Amino acid sequence: MNLVWYLCLSAAIFSVGAAGVLIRRNPLVILLCLELMLNAGNLALITFARMHGNGDGQIFALVVMVVAACEVVVGLGVIVAMYRNRIAEDVDEMSELRG
């Protein structure tokens, strides 16, 4: 299978994630769309690593996966705190987090 197809799939996934971040207002959906964008970047990194025949892209993809896991932990903690304190769930209406 040609590697260009993987890059096209990565671009499509990234576009869906970017559109979700720009259109949606729910913080949980925005977090999921950011994860889509990170996974699309991982797919592109692994594709380029395979194209050049080295493992550098795979190492960078592992680092991105660690950053994504940390982002999910912090993001979900903030979202749970927002729901518990009955703060507005709309990102546009949210001005500050009080705790």
C-alpha atoms as a PDB file:
ATOM      1  CA  MET A   1       0.000   0.000   0.000  1.00  0.00           C
ATOM      2  CA  ASN A   2       1.305   3.427  -0.935  1.00  0.00           C
ATOM      3  CA  LEU A   3       2.317   5.711   1.943  1.00  0.00           C
ATOM      4  CA  VAL A   4       0.482   8.669   0.397  1.00  0.00           C
ATOM      5  CA  TRP A   5      -2.809   7.091   1.445  1.00  0.00           C
ATOM      6  CA  TYR A   6      -1.728   7.166   5.074  1.00  0.00           C
ATOM      7  CA  LEU A   7      -0.934  10.862   4.763  1.00  0.00           C
ATOM      8  CA  CYS A   8      -4.318  11.512   3.151  1.00  0.00           C
ATOM      9  CA  LEU A   9      -6.025   9.651   6.004  1.00  0.00           C
ATOM     10  CA  SER A  10      -3.977  11.646   8.504  1.00  0.00           C
ATOM     11  CA  ALA A  11      -5.003  14.920   6.841  1.00  0.00           C
ATOM     12  CA  ALA A  12      -8.656  13.897   6.855  1.00  0.00           C
ATOM     13  CA  ILE A  13      -8.591  12.932  10.546  1.00  0.00           C
ATOM     14  CA  PHE A  14      -6.786  16.160  11.408  1.00  0.00           C
ATOM     15  CA  SER A  15      -9.364  18.185   9.459  1.00  0.00           C
ATOM     16  CA  VAL A  16     -12.248  16.522  11.303  1.00  0.00           C
ATOM     17  CA  GLY A  17     -10.555  17.249  14.635  1.00  0.00           C
ATOM     18  CA  ALA A  18      -9.827  20.881  13.732  1.00  0.00           C
ATOM     19  CA  ALA A  19     -13.403  21.414  12.584  1.00  0.00           C
ATOM     20  CA  GLY A  20     -14.660  19.935  15.855  1.00  0.00           C
ATOM     21  CA  VAL A  21     -12.464  22.251  17.910  1.00  0.00           C
ATOM     22  CA  LEU A  22     -13.636  25.304  15.972  1.00  0.00           C
ATOM     23  CA  ILE A  23     -17.347  24.436  15.851  1.00  0.00           C
ATOM     24  CA  ARG A  24     -18.183  22.700  19.128  1.00  0.00           C
ATOM     25  CA  ARG A  25     -18.662  24.461  22.461  1.00  0.00           C
ATOM     26  CA  ASN A  26     -18.709  21.539  24.884  1.00  0.00           C
ATOM     27  CA  PRO A  27     -15.286  21.185  26.571  1.00  0.00           C
ATOM     28  CA  LEU A  28     -15.440  17.374  26.526  1.00  0.00           C
ATOM     29  CA  VAL A  29     -16.034  17.302  22.764  1.00  0.00           C
ATOM     30  CA  ILE A  30     -13.219  19.814  22.253  1.00  0.00           C
ATOM     31  CA  LEU A  31     -10.914  17.539  24.266  1.00  0.00           C
ATOM     32  CA  LEU A  32     -11.874  14.543  22.114  1.00  0.00           C
ATOM     33  CA  CYS A  33     -11.274  16.537  18.933  1.00  0.00           C
ATOM     34  CA  LEU A  34      -7.831  17.536  20.206  1.00  0.00           C
ATOM     35  CA  GLU A  35      -7.101  13.850  20.711  1.00  0.00           C
ATOM     36  CA  LEU A  36      -8.124  13.208  17.105  1.00  0.00           C
ATOM     37  CA  MET A  37      -5.698  15.887  15.960  1.00  0.00           C
ATOM     38  CA  LEU A  38      -2.862  14.378  18.017  1.00  0.00           C
ATOM     39  CA  ASN A  39      -3.568  10.907  16.623  1.00  0.00           C
ATOM     40  CA  ALA A  40      -3.518  12.299  13.089  1.00  0.00           C
ATOM     41  CA  GLY A  41      -0.131  13.833  13.833  1.00  0.00           C
ATOM     42  CA  ASN A  42       1.083  10.478  15.147  1.00  0.00           C
ATOM     43  CA  LEU A  43      -0.031   8.752  11.968  1.00  0.00           C
ATOM     44  CA  ALA A  44       1.833  11.313   9.871  1.00  0.00           C
ATOM     45  CA  LEU A  45       4.975  10.967  12.004  1.00  0.00           C
ATOM     46  CA  ILE A  46       4.977   7.187  11.666  1.00  0.00           C
ATOM     47  CA  THR A  47       4.328   7.453   7.934  1.00  0.00           C
ATOM     48  CA  PHE A  48       7.288   9.788   7.436  1.00  0.00           C
ATOM     49  CA  ALA A  49       9.487   7.537   9.582  1.00  0.00           C
ATOM     50  CA  ARG A  50       8.535   4.572   7.448  1.00  0.00           C
ATOM     51  CA  MET A  51       9.152   6.584   4.282  1.00  0.00           C
ATOM     52  CA  HIS A  52      12.697   7.443   5.363  1.00  0.00           C
ATOM     53  CA  GLY A  53      13.429   4.033   6.868  1.00  0.00           C
ATOM     54  CA  ASN A  54      14.313   5.102  10.412  1.00  0.00           C
ATOM     55  CA  GLY A  55      12.600   4.975  13.789  1.00  0.00           C
ATOM     56  CA  ASP A  56      12.772   8.650  14.748  1.00  0.00           C
ATOM     57  CA  GLY A  57       9.124   9.300  13.893  1.00  0.00           C
ATOM     58  CA  GLN A  58       8.031   6.383  16.037  1.00  0.00           C
ATOM     59  CA  ILE A  59       9.944   7.784  19.011  1.00  0.00           C
ATOM     60  CA  PHE A  60       8.317  11.185  18.520  1.00  0.00           C
ATOM     61  CA  ALA A  61       4.910   9.490  18.240  1.00  0.00           C
ATOM     62  CA  LEU A  62       5.489   7.802  21.615  1.00  0.00           C
ATOM     63  CA  VAL A  63       6.363  11.179  23.143  1.00  0.00           C
ATOM     64  CA  VAL A  64       3.177  12.669  21.678  1.00  0.00           C
ATOM     65  CA  MET A  65       1.166   9.791  23.152  1.00  0.00           C
ATOM     66  CA  VAL A  66       2.628  10.521  26.614  1.00  0.00           C
ATOM     67  CA  VAL A  67       1.759  14.216  26.247  1.00  0.00           C
ATOM     68  CA  ALA A  68      -1.756  13.276  25.103  1.00  0.00           C
ATOM     69  CA  ALA A  69      -2.242  11.044  28.147  1.00  0.00           C
ATOM     70  CA  CYS A  70      -1.162  13.873  30.467  1.00  0.00           C
ATOM     71  CA  GLU A  71      -3.472  16.273  28.646  1.00  0.00           C
ATOM     72  CA  VAL A  72      -6.422  13.917  29.099  1.00  0.00           C
ATOM     73  CA  VAL A  73      -5.765  13.570  32.829  1.00  0.00           C
ATOM     74  CA  VAL A  74      -5.583  17.325  33.392  1.00  0.00           C
ATOM     75  CA  GLY A  75      -8.412  18.136  30.995  1.00  0.00           C
ATOM     76  CA  LEU A  76     -10.816  15.600  32.443  1.00  0.00           C
ATOM     77  CA  GLY A  77      -9.981  16.807  35.943  1.00  0.00           C
ATOM     78  CA  VAL A  78     -10.879  20.368  34.970  1.00  0.00           C
ATOM     79  CA  ILE A  79     -14.070  19.251  33.227  1.00  0.00           C
ATOM     80  CA  VAL A  80     -15.180  17.169  36.238  1.00  0.00           C
ATOM     81  CA  ALA A  81     -14.490  20.149  38.522  1.00  0.00           C
ATOM     82  CA  MET A  82     -16.590  22.348  36.224  1.00  0.00           C
ATOM     83  CA  TYR A  83     -19.530  19.941  36.325  1.00  0.00           C
ATOM     84  CA  ARG A  84     -19.326  19.567  40.114  1.00  0.00           C
ATOM     85  CA  ASN A  85     -19.278  23.329  40.700  1.00  0.00           C
ATOM     86  CA  ARG A  86     -22.057  23.893  38.166  1.00  0.00           C
ATOM     87  CA  ILE A  87     -19.933  26.248  36.093  1.00  0.00           C
ATOM     88  CA  ALA A  88     -21.252  27.014  32.609  1.00  0.00           C
ATOM     89  CA  GLU A  89     -20.481  24.162  30.242  1.00  0.00           C
ATOM     90  CA  ASP A  90     -20.318  26.427  27.203  1.00  0.00           C
ATOM     91  CA  VAL A  91     -16.726  27.358  26.435  1.00  0.00           C
ATOM     92  CA  ASP A  92     -17.718  30.798  25.157  1.00  0.00           C
ATOM     93  CA  GLU A  93     -19.531  31.669  28.405  1.00  0.00           C
ATOM     94  CA  MET A  94     -16.764  30.411  30.671  1.00  0.00           C
ATOM     95  CA  SER A  95     -14.661  33.290  31.949  1.00  0.00           C
ATOM     96  CA  GLU A  96     -12.655  31.764  34.795  1.00  0.00           C
ATOM     97  CA  LEU A  97     -12.452  28.691  36.974  1.00  0.00           C
ATOM     98  CA  ARG A  98     -13.078  29.308  40.653  1.00  0.00           C
ATOM     99  CA  GLY A  99     -12.101  26.716  43.169  1.00  0.00           C
END
